C-alpha atoms as a PDB file:
ATOM      1  CA  MET A   1      -7.193 -32.246   4.986  1.00  0.00           C
ATOM      2  CA  GLU A   2      -6.844 -28.095   6.419  1.00  0.00           C
ATOM      3  CA  ASN A   3      -9.342 -26.257   4.997  1.00  0.00           C
ATOM      4  CA  VAL A   4      -7.695 -22.942   2.768  1.00  0.00           C
ATOM      5  CA  ALA A   5     -10.265 -20.523   4.616  1.00  0.00           C
ATOM      6  CA  ASP A   6      -8.729 -22.062   7.760  1.00  0.00           C
ATOM      7  CA  LYS A   7      -5.074 -20.331   6.643  1.00  0.00           C
ATOM      8  CA  GLU A   8      -7.304 -16.530   5.680  1.00  0.00           C
ATOM      9  CA  GLU A   9      -5.473 -13.548   7.857  1.00  0.00           C
ATOM     10  CA  LEU A  10      -6.657 -12.320  11.217  1.00  0.00           C
ATOM     11  CA  LEU A  11      -7.109  -8.783  11.134  1.00  0.00           C
ATOM     12  CA  LYS A  12      -8.337  -6.755  14.640  1.00  0.00           C
ATOM     13  CA  VAL A  13     -10.935  -4.621  14.287  1.00  0.00           C
ATOM     14  CA  PHE A  14     -11.377  -0.839  15.137  1.00  0.00           C
ATOM     15  CA  ASP A  15     -14.298   1.436  15.120  1.00  0.00           C
ATOM     16  CA  GLU A  16     -14.496   4.439  12.758  1.00  0.00           C
ATOM     17  CA  ASN A  17     -12.077   6.488  14.904  1.00  0.00           C
ATOM     18  CA  GLY A  18      -9.555   4.239  15.190  1.00  0.00           C
ATOM     19  CA  LYS A  19      -9.733   2.537  18.790  1.00  0.00           C
ATOM     20  CA  TYR A  20      -9.200  -0.915  18.710  1.00  0.00           C
ATOM     21  CA  THR A  21     -12.669  -2.685  19.522  1.00  0.00           C
ATOM     22  CA  GLY A  22     -10.830  -5.717  21.204  1.00  0.00           C
ATOM     23  CA  GLY A  23     -12.179  -7.689  17.911  1.00  0.00           C
ATOM     24  CA  VAL A  24     -10.883  -9.757  15.701  1.00  0.00           C
ATOM     25  CA  GLU A  25     -12.360 -11.478  12.178  1.00  0.00           C
ATOM     26  CA  LYS A  26     -10.666 -13.126   8.704  1.00  0.00           C
ATOM     27  CA  ARG A  27      -9.982 -10.711   5.944  1.00  0.00           C
ATOM     28  CA  SER A  28     -12.808 -11.694   3.862  1.00  0.00           C
ATOM     29  CA  VAL A  29     -15.458 -10.482   6.607  1.00  0.00           C
ATOM     30  CA  VAL A  30     -13.812  -7.323   7.583  1.00  0.00           C
ATOM     31  CA  HIS A  31     -14.182  -6.632   3.892  1.00  0.00           C
ATOM     32  CA  GLU A  32     -17.632  -8.032   3.626  1.00  0.00           C
ATOM     33  CA  LYS A  33     -18.982  -6.030   6.887  1.00  0.00           C
ATOM     34  CA  GLN A  34     -16.907  -3.034   5.520  1.00  0.00           C
ATOM     35  CA  LEU A  35     -15.068  -3.093   8.590  1.00  0.00           C
ATOM     36  CA  PHE A  36     -12.275  -0.670  10.217  1.00  0.00           C
ATOM     37  CA  HIS A  37      -8.677  -2.122  10.018  1.00  0.00           C
ATOM     38  CA  ASN A  38      -4.778  -1.351   9.656  1.00  0.00           C
ATOM     39  CA  GLU A  39      -3.018  -1.534   6.339  1.00  0.00           C
ATOM     40  CA  VAL A  40       0.230  -0.126   5.408  1.00  0.00           C
ATOM     41  CA  ALA A  41       1.419   1.215   2.285  1.00  0.00           C
ATOM     42  CA  LEU A  42       5.183   1.889   1.101  1.00  0.00           C
ATOM     43  CA  TRP A  43       6.039   5.175  -1.217  1.00  0.00           C
ATOM     44  CA  ILE A  44       9.167   4.488  -3.092  1.00  0.00           C
ATOM     45  CA  LEU A  45      10.404   7.788  -4.466  1.00  0.00           C
ATOM     46  CA  ASP A  46      12.943   8.220  -6.619  1.00  0.00           C
ATOM     47  CA  ILE A  47      13.499  12.344  -6.432  1.00  0.00           C
ATOM     48  CA  LYS A  48      16.287  12.787  -8.778  1.00  0.00           C
ATOM     49  CA  ASN A  49      13.925  11.803 -11.633  1.00  0.00           C
ATOM     50  CA  LYS A  50      10.193  12.692 -10.158  1.00  0.00           C
ATOM     51  CA  LYS A  51       9.075   8.963 -10.177  1.00  0.00           C
ATOM     52  CA  VAL A  52       7.786   6.606  -7.970  1.00  0.00           C
ATOM     53  CA  LEU A  53       7.938   2.719  -7.677  1.00  0.00           C
ATOM     54  CA  LEU A  54       4.735   1.069  -8.356  1.00  0.00           C
ATOM     55  CA  GLU A  55       3.650  -2.903  -8.918  1.00  0.00           C
ATOM     56  CA  ARG A  56       1.239  -4.224 -11.446  1.00  0.00           C
ATOM     57  CA  ARG A  57      -1.382  -6.354  -9.478  1.00  0.00           C
ATOM     58  CA  SER A  58      -1.797  -9.883 -11.500  1.00  0.00           C
ATOM     59  CA  PRO A  59      -3.987 -11.053 -13.908  1.00  0.00           C
ATOM     60  CA  ASN A  60      -4.935 -13.288 -11.255  1.00  0.00           C
ATOM     61  CA  LYS A  61      -5.599 -10.892  -8.115  1.00  0.00           C
ATOM     62  CA  LYS A  62      -9.577 -10.764  -7.250  1.00  0.00           C
ATOM     63  CA  LEU A  63      -9.592  -7.483  -7.198  1.00  0.00           C
ATOM     64  CA  TYR A  64      -8.045  -4.759  -8.907  1.00  0.00           C
ATOM     65  CA  PRO A  65      -6.209  -6.844 -11.733  1.00  0.00           C
ATOM     66  CA  ASN A  66      -3.535  -5.725 -13.581  1.00  0.00           C
ATOM     67  CA  ARG A  67      -4.139  -2.339 -12.020  1.00  0.00           C
ATOM     68  CA  LEU A  68      -0.697  -0.357 -10.449  1.00  0.00           C
ATOM     69  CA  ALA A  69      -0.659   0.174  -7.002  1.00  0.00           C
ATOM     70  CA  LEU A  70       1.450   0.649  -3.649  1.00  0.00           C
ATOM     71  CA  CYS A  71       3.565  -1.876  -1.793  1.00  0.00           C
ATOM     72  CA  ALA A  72       1.365  -3.000   0.467  1.00  0.00           C
ATOM     73  CA  GLY A  73      -0.710  -5.289   2.732  1.00  0.00           C
ATOM     74  CA  HIS A  74      -3.122  -5.784   6.220  1.00  0.00           C
ATOM     75  CA  VAL A  75      -1.648  -5.736   9.386  1.00  0.00           C
ATOM     76  CA  VAL A  76      -2.090  -8.761  10.410  1.00  0.00           C
ATOM     77  CA  GLU A  77      -3.052  -9.236  14.113  1.00  0.00           C
ATOM     78  CA  ASN A  78      -0.271 -10.097  15.855  1.00  0.00           C
ATOM     79  CA  GLU A  79       2.042  -8.011  14.219  1.00  0.00           C
ATOM     80  CA  SER A  80       3.082  -4.123  14.464  1.00  0.00           C
ATOM     81  CA  ILE A  81       2.516  -1.431  11.603  1.00  0.00           C
ATOM     82  CA  GLU A  82       6.209  -1.412  11.120  1.00  0.00           C
ATOM     83  CA  GLU A  83       6.608  -4.820  11.219  1.00  0.00           C
ATOM     84  CA  SER A  84       3.779  -5.615   8.507  1.00  0.00           C
ATOM     85  CA  LEU A  85       5.094  -2.618   6.342  1.00  0.00           C
ATOM     86  CA  TYR A  86       8.811  -4.162   6.453  1.00  0.00           C
ATOM     87  CA  LYS A  87       7.595  -8.469   5.886  1.00  0.00           C
ATOM     88  CA  GLU A  88       5.237  -6.871   2.871  1.00  0.00           C
ATOM     89  CA  ALA A  89       8.598  -5.142   1.555  1.00  0.00           C
ATOM     90  CA  LYS A  90      10.461  -8.568   1.532  1.00  0.00           C
ATOM     91  CA  GLU A  91       7.277 -10.204   0.241  1.00  0.00           C
ATOM     92  CA  GLU A  92       6.453  -8.384  -2.291  1.00  0.00           C
ATOM     93  CA  LEU A  93       9.342  -6.495  -3.366  1.00  0.00           C
ATOM     94  CA  GLY A  94      12.200  -8.297  -1.592  1.00  0.00           C
ATOM     95  CA  LEU A  95      14.001  -5.352   0.063  1.00  0.00           C
ATOM     96  CA  ASP A  96      15.084  -4.764   3.461  1.00  0.00           C
ATOM     97  CA  LEU A  97      13.470  -1.765   4.442  1.00  0.00           C
ATOM     98  CA  ASN A  98      16.362  -2.433   7.431  1.00  0.00           C
ATOM     99  CA  ASN A  99      18.862  -0.514   4.727  1.00  0.00           C
ATOM    100  CA  TYR A 100      16.488   2.164   4.055  1.00  0.00           C
ATOM    101  CA  ASN A 101      15.799   5.173   6.010  1.00  0.00           C
ATOM    102  CA  VAL A 102      12.128   4.724   6.374  1.00  0.00           C
ATOM    103  CA  LYS A 103      10.044   7.757   7.227  1.00  0.00           C
ATOM    104  CA  LYS A 104       6.200   7.843   8.421  1.00  0.00           C
ATOM    105  CA  LEU A 105       4.344  10.188   5.545  1.00  0.00           C
ATOM    106  CA  LEU A 106       0.451  10.078   7.185  1.00  0.00           C
ATOM    107  CA  THR A 107      -2.477   7.506   7.940  1.00  0.00           C
ATOM    108  CA  ILE A 108      -5.937   8.002   5.876  1.00  0.00           C
ATOM    109  CA  LYS A 109      -8.688   6.886   7.014  1.00  0.00           C
ATOM    110  CA  ARG A 110     -10.579   5.210   4.025  1.00  0.00           C
ATOM    111  CA  CYS A 111     -13.705   4.375   3.043  1.00  0.00           C
ATOM    112  CA  GLU A 112     -14.124   2.587  -0.210  1.00  0.00           C
ATOM    113  CA  PRO A 113     -16.671  -0.648  -1.696  1.00  0.00           C
ATOM    114  CA  ASN A 114     -15.464  -3.527   0.379  1.00  0.00           C
ATOM    115  CA  ASN A 115     -12.478  -1.637   2.122  1.00  0.00           C
ATOM    116  CA  CYS A 116     -12.703   0.647   5.628  1.00  0.00           C
ATOM    117  CA  CYS A 117      -9.249   0.917   6.591  1.00  0.00           C
ATOM    118  CA  PHE A 118      -6.344   3.075   8.171  1.00  0.00           C
ATOM    119  CA  SER A 119      -3.751   3.324   5.666  1.00  0.00           C
ATOM    120  CA  HIS A 120      -0.236   4.241   7.394  1.00  0.00           C
ATOM    121  CA  GLN A 121       1.771   5.568   4.240  1.00  0.00           C
ATOM    122  CA  PHE A 122       5.428   5.559   4.905  1.00  0.00           C
ATOM    123  CA  TYR A 123       8.244   6.460   1.991  1.00  0.00           C
ATOM    124  CA  ILE A 124      11.670   6.107   1.008  1.00  0.00           C
ATOM    125  CA  LYS A 125      13.440   8.660  -0.891  1.00  0.00           C
ATOM    126  CA  ASN A 126      15.936   6.172  -2.862  1.00  0.00           C
ATOM    127  CA  TYR A 127      16.260   4.743  -6.163  1.00  0.00           C
ATOM    128  CA  ILE A 128      16.091   1.154  -6.451  1.00  0.00           C
ATOM    129  CA  PRO A 129      16.961  -0.729 -10.076  1.00  0.00           C
ATOM    130  CA  ILE A 130      14.271  -2.486 -11.181  1.00  0.00           C
ATOM    131  CA  GLU A 131      16.483  -5.652 -11.644  1.00  0.00           C
ATOM    132  CA  SER A 132      17.068  -5.649  -8.452  1.00  0.00           C
ATOM    133  CA  ILE A 133      13.648  -6.150  -7.189  1.00  0.00           C
ATOM    134  CA  ILE A 134      12.788  -9.690  -6.632  1.00  0.00           C
ATOM    135  CA  ILE A 135       8.654  -9.178  -7.578  1.00  0.00           C
ATOM    136  CA  GLN A 136       6.244 -11.877  -5.711  1.00  0.00           C
ATOM    137  CA  LYS A 137       4.476 -13.559  -8.719  1.00  0.00           C
ATOM    138  CA  GLU A 138       0.932 -15.071  -6.738  1.00  0.00           C
ATOM    139  CA  GLU A 139       0.699 -10.895  -6.267  1.00  0.00           C
ATOM    140  CA  LEU A 140       2.717  -9.143  -8.943  1.00  0.00           C
ATOM    141  CA  SER A 141       2.911  -9.069 -12.746  1.00  0.00           C
ATOM    142  CA  GLU A 142       5.549  -6.351 -13.124  1.00  0.00           C
ATOM    143  CA  VAL A 143       7.481  -3.715 -10.915  1.00  0.00           C
ATOM    144  CA  LEU A 144       7.848  -0.386 -12.633  1.00  0.00           C
ATOM    145  CA  TYR A 145       8.749   3.777 -12.619  1.00  0.00           C
ATOM    146  CA  VAL A 146       6.240   6.315 -12.810  1.00  0.00           C
ATOM    147  CA  ASP A 147       6.294   9.821 -13.338  1.00  0.00           C
ATOM    148  CA  TYR A 148       4.836  11.138  -9.896  1.00  0.00           C
ATOM    149  CA  TYR A 149       3.058  13.787 -12.237  1.00  0.00           C
ATOM    150  CA  ASN A 150       1.708  11.722 -14.471  1.00  0.00           C
ATOM    151  CA  LEU A 151       0.537   9.051 -11.661  1.00  0.00           C
ATOM    152  CA  LYS A 152      -1.224  12.093 -10.007  1.00  0.00           C
ATOM    153  CA  GLN A 153      -2.760  13.366 -13.099  1.00  0.00           C
ATOM    154  CA  MET A 154      -4.172   9.474 -13.318  1.00  0.00           C
ATOM    155  CA  VAL A 155      -5.387   9.803  -9.541  1.00  0.00           C
ATOM    156  CA  VAL A 156      -7.249  12.622 -10.232  1.00  0.00           C
ATOM    157  CA  ASP A 157      -8.739  11.845 -13.856  1.00  0.00           C
ATOM    158  CA  HIS A 158      -9.924   8.192 -11.880  1.00  0.00           C
ATOM    159  CA  SER A 159      -8.027   6.291 -14.458  1.00  0.00           C
ATOM    160  CA  ASP A 160      -8.770   2.471 -14.515  1.00  0.00           C
ATOM    161  CA  GLU A 161      -5.106   2.058 -15.133  1.00  0.00           C
ATOM    162  CA  VAL A 162      -4.612   2.692 -10.804  1.00  0.00           C
ATOM    163  CA  ILE A 163      -6.412   1.830  -7.457  1.00  0.00           C
ATOM    164  CA  PHE A 164      -5.967   4.682  -5.685  1.00  0.00           C
ATOM    165  CA  LEU A 165      -9.305   7.134  -5.665  1.00  0.00           C
ATOM    166  CA  TRP A 166      -8.061  10.849  -5.449  1.00  0.00           C
ATOM    167  CA  GLU A 167     -10.482  11.376  -2.211  1.00  0.00           C
ATOM    168  CA  SER A 168      -8.972   9.502  -0.133  1.00  0.00           C
ATOM    169  CA  TYR A 169      -5.150  10.340  -1.791  1.00  0.00           C
ATOM    170  CA  LYS A 170      -5.449  14.459  -2.330  1.00  0.00           C
ATOM    171  CA  LYS A 171      -3.789  14.809   1.185  1.00  0.00           C
ATOM    172  CA  VAL A 172      -0.878  12.091   0.664  1.00  0.00           C
ATOM    173  CA  PHE A 173      -0.164  13.877  -3.135  1.00  0.00           C
ATOM    174  CA  GLU A 174      -0.019  17.174  -1.215  1.00  0.00           C
ATOM    175  CA  MET A 175       2.552  15.704   1.306  1.00  0.00           C
ATOM    176  CA  LEU A 176       4.392  13.993  -1.727  1.00  0.00           C
ATOM    177  CA  ASP A 177       4.194  17.745  -3.664  1.00  0.00           C
ATOM    178  CA  LYS A 178       5.775  18.771  -0.784  1.00  0.00           C
ATOM    179  CA  ILE A 179       8.696  16.271  -0.096  1.00  0.00           C
ATOM    180  CA  PHE A 180       9.382  16.253  -4.434  1.00  0.00           C
ATOM    181  CA  GLU A 181       9.189  20.268  -4.245  1.00  0.00           C
ATOM    182  CA  ASN A 182      12.045  20.665  -1.386  1.00  0.00           C
ATOM    183  CA  SER A 183      13.947  17.860  -2.234  1.00  0.00           C
ATOM    184  CA  GLN A 184      14.871  19.886  -5.184  1.00  0.00           C
ATOM    185  CA  ASN A 185      16.263  22.665  -4.102  1.00  0.00           C
END
């Protein structure tokens, strides 16, 4: 019988400057040893209503159960950053990102307990009706739109409702502020 641990994702390992080391490790090892790896995240922006689509993580998740997060995931060994982003959107939300104008926001370097990564942040400016989203029930319990400025304040306040840390996401929110402001003009 095949061991579940054998099916664990393999991630490329990077140095603190983002240079590929040539190494590959299991996801659990990467997190345990706080090795740098690549992740992707997608901001779905409802510009007209100044809202962001967020996912509520499943209560069965080992890390951060029931907390609000973005559509996000790890970039596995043989995937490009873009392939990983498109795969995560399809798996978690049932979205085909080929139907949207996906733009790169920025890459942030994060080193938090159990997670050192380069998080490649992308966005789309589209309202997507909740009823059209097909959530991955193993990963998520719901999706919902949250007022952008309320979300930002929750992050600033270190709310237990979200998994974002202000120290890591400050630059992201500065850029999102400009997107929301410029789109209203």
